[in-house]
Protein backbone atom coordinates (compact mmCIF):
# COMPACT_ATOMS: atom_id res chain seq x y z
CA MET A 1 98.69 35.88 -49.18
CA ASN A 2 100.30 33.95 -46.34
CA PRO A 3 99.32 34.81 -42.83
CA GLU A 4 102.92 35.11 -42.01
CA ASN A 5 103.24 38.20 -44.04
CA LEU A 6 100.89 39.62 -41.41
CA ALA A 7 103.34 39.22 -38.45
CA VAL A 8 104.75 42.48 -37.06
CA VAL A 9 108.35 41.90 -36.18
CA ALA A 10 109.61 45.35 -35.33
CA GLY A 11 108.03 48.71 -35.35
CA PRO A 12 104.32 49.57 -34.70
CA ARG A 13 103.00 48.54 -38.18
CA LYS A 14 103.54 46.73 -41.24
CA SER A 15 101.96 47.58 -44.63
CA GLY A 16 101.54 45.74 -47.81
CA SER A 17 99.54 45.12 -50.92
CA VAL A 18 96.88 42.43 -51.18
CA PRO A 19 96.68 40.94 -54.52
CA THR A 20 93.51 41.62 -56.36
CA ALA A 21 94.14 40.95 -59.93
CA LYS A 22 90.59 40.15 -60.83
CA ALA A 23 89.25 43.46 -59.34
CA LYS A 24 89.92 46.15 -61.66
CA ASN A 25 88.15 48.79 -59.97
CA LEU A 26 89.09 48.01 -56.32
CA HIS A 27 92.60 48.13 -54.77
CA LEU A 28 93.09 46.73 -51.21
CA SER A 29 96.08 47.14 -48.92
CA PHE A 30 96.56 46.49 -45.34
CA GLU A 31 98.32 47.54 -42.16
CA ALA A 32 99.05 45.34 -39.25
CA HIS A 33 98.85 47.41 -35.81
CA GLN A 34 101.03 45.74 -33.21
CA TYR A 35 99.50 47.66 -30.19
CA THR A 36 95.99 46.11 -30.99
CA GLY A 37 96.93 42.98 -33.09
CA ALA A 38 94.43 44.14 -35.49
CA VAL A 39 94.61 44.61 -39.33
CA VAL A 40 93.30 47.77 -41.18
CA LEU A 41 92.14 46.90 -44.54
CA HIS A 42 91.98 49.88 -46.92
CA CYS A 43 89.74 50.09 -49.70
CA GLN A 44 90.22 52.28 -52.88
CA GLY A 45 87.78 52.27 -55.90
CA ARG A 46 84.38 50.80 -56.22
CA LEU A 47 82.76 47.93 -54.31
CA ILE A 48 80.43 46.60 -57.03
CA PHE A 49 78.99 43.51 -58.60
CA ARG A 50 81.50 40.79 -59.56
CA ASN A 51 85.02 40.86 -59.05
CA GLU A 52 85.52 43.88 -56.75
CA ALA A 53 82.83 42.53 -54.12
CA HIS A 54 84.34 39.01 -54.39
CA ALA A 55 87.84 40.31 -54.12
CA LEU A 56 87.13 42.07 -50.64
CA SER A 57 85.39 38.81 -49.35
CA GLU A 58 88.32 36.74 -50.28
CA THR A 59 90.85 39.08 -48.77
CA VAL A 60 88.82 39.34 -45.52
CA ASN A 61 88.23 35.58 -45.26
CA GLU A 62 91.89 34.94 -45.82
CA ILE A 63 93.08 37.17 -43.27
CA LEU A 64 90.62 37.58 -40.59
CA PRO A 65 90.83 34.15 -39.12
CA THR A 66 94.52 34.63 -38.54
CA VAL A 67 94.42 38.00 -36.88
CA ARG A 68 90.71 37.87 -35.42
CA ARG A 69 90.45 41.54 -35.47
CA MET A 70 89.98 43.91 -38.56
CA VAL A 71 88.99 47.33 -39.53
CA ILE A 72 87.82 47.79 -42.95
CA ASP A 73 88.66 51.36 -44.19
CA LEU A 74 86.06 52.58 -46.63
CA ALA A 75 87.65 56.07 -46.94
CA GLY A 76 88.63 55.44 -50.64
CA VAL A 77 85.37 53.78 -51.72
CA GLY A 78 83.64 55.86 -54.18
CA SER A 79 80.66 53.76 -54.81
CA VAL A 80 78.84 50.69 -53.67
CA ASP A 81 76.07 48.87 -55.37
CA SER A 82 73.70 46.06 -53.98
CA ALA A 83 76.29 43.36 -54.50
CA GLY A 84 78.83 45.47 -52.46
CA LEU A 85 76.27 45.90 -49.79
CA GLY A 86 75.56 42.24 -49.61
CA GLU A 87 79.26 41.35 -49.38
CA LEU A 88 79.51 43.79 -46.41
CA VAL A 89 76.55 42.23 -44.70
CA MET A 90 77.82 38.66 -45.32
CA LEU A 91 81.27 39.67 -43.96
CA HIS A 92 79.77 41.08 -40.95
CA MET A 93 77.52 38.09 -40.22
CA TRP A 94 80.33 35.64 -40.85
CA ALA A 95 82.72 37.44 -38.63
CA GLU A 96 80.22 37.86 -35.85
CA ALA A 97 79.17 34.17 -36.02
CA ALA A 98 82.93 33.12 -35.98
CA GLY A 99 83.79 35.30 -32.98
CA TYR A 100 85.80 37.68 -34.83
CA THR A 101 85.86 41.52 -34.47
CA LEU A 102 85.05 43.32 -37.65
CA LYS A 103 84.67 47.24 -37.84
CA PHE A 104 83.98 49.62 -40.55
CA ALA A 105 85.49 53.07 -40.72
CA SER A 106 85.42 56.41 -42.64
CA PRO A 107 82.75 56.06 -45.28
CA ASN A 108 82.57 58.99 -47.54
CA ARG A 109 79.20 60.89 -47.57
CA SER A 110 77.49 58.74 -50.20
CA VAL A 111 78.53 55.59 -48.90
CA ARG A 112 77.43 56.68 -45.33
CA HIS A 113 74.12 57.87 -46.95
CA LEU A 114 73.64 54.50 -48.60
CA LEU A 115 74.25 52.84 -45.31
CA GLU A 116 71.65 55.17 -43.61
CA LEU A 117 69.05 54.40 -46.51
CA THR A 118 69.56 50.61 -46.02
CA ASN A 119 69.59 50.84 -42.07
CA LEU A 120 72.95 48.95 -42.17
CA ILE A 121 74.29 51.80 -40.31
CA SER A 122 72.59 50.41 -37.19
CA VAL A 123 74.04 46.88 -38.03
CA PHE A 124 77.64 47.64 -38.57
CA ASP A 125 80.18 48.81 -36.29
CA LEU A 126 80.77 51.91 -38.03
CA TYR A 127 83.14 54.62 -36.97
CA PRO A 128 84.02 58.14 -38.56
CA SER A 129 87.73 57.42 -38.72
CA VAL A 130 90.34 54.36 -38.43
CA PRO A 131 91.98 55.72 -35.31
CA GLU A 132 88.37 55.79 -33.64
CA ALA A 133 87.69 52.27 -34.76
CA MET A 134 90.92 51.17 -33.39
CA ALA A 135 90.39 52.91 -30.15
CA ALA A 136 87.04 51.29 -29.80
CA MET A 137 88.64 47.94 -30.37
CA HIS A 138 91.35 48.43 -27.71
CA TYR A 139 88.53 49.75 -25.19
CA GLU A 140 86.45 46.36 -25.77
CA GLU A 141 89.68 44.41 -25.38
CA VAL A 142 90.60 46.06 -22.15
CA ARG A 143 87.05 46.01 -20.85
CA SER A 144 86.73 42.21 -21.56
CA ALA A 145 90.02 41.42 -19.87
């Protein structure tokens, strides 16, 4: 995906699919929000060992340096294994070290429970919904200006 595809020319948001041919059990799509300049990456499927976890990392690694602000929407993620958790941790650490803003939103009950059991809920910027994550991002931007 070229970063130019993320530019919002007209209207509040632009959506599209992110190619994930290798990830049979994970579909990724994005929305670019003009008012915050952030991208929401919607995940649908399973975040598991091999191609699915790798596809998420590749997508975030390609898009986040261009936009610098992203919310990963976990609402459609049905299950996460240790490899998926590892990828989420690595993405969080990489984004933080690079000075990017990365937030997570809308985990279902089982994913949220897993994040609680592993204590990652205290590490990630996790929000109950995408709008709440976007609002927090906007608040942080206004506060730092």
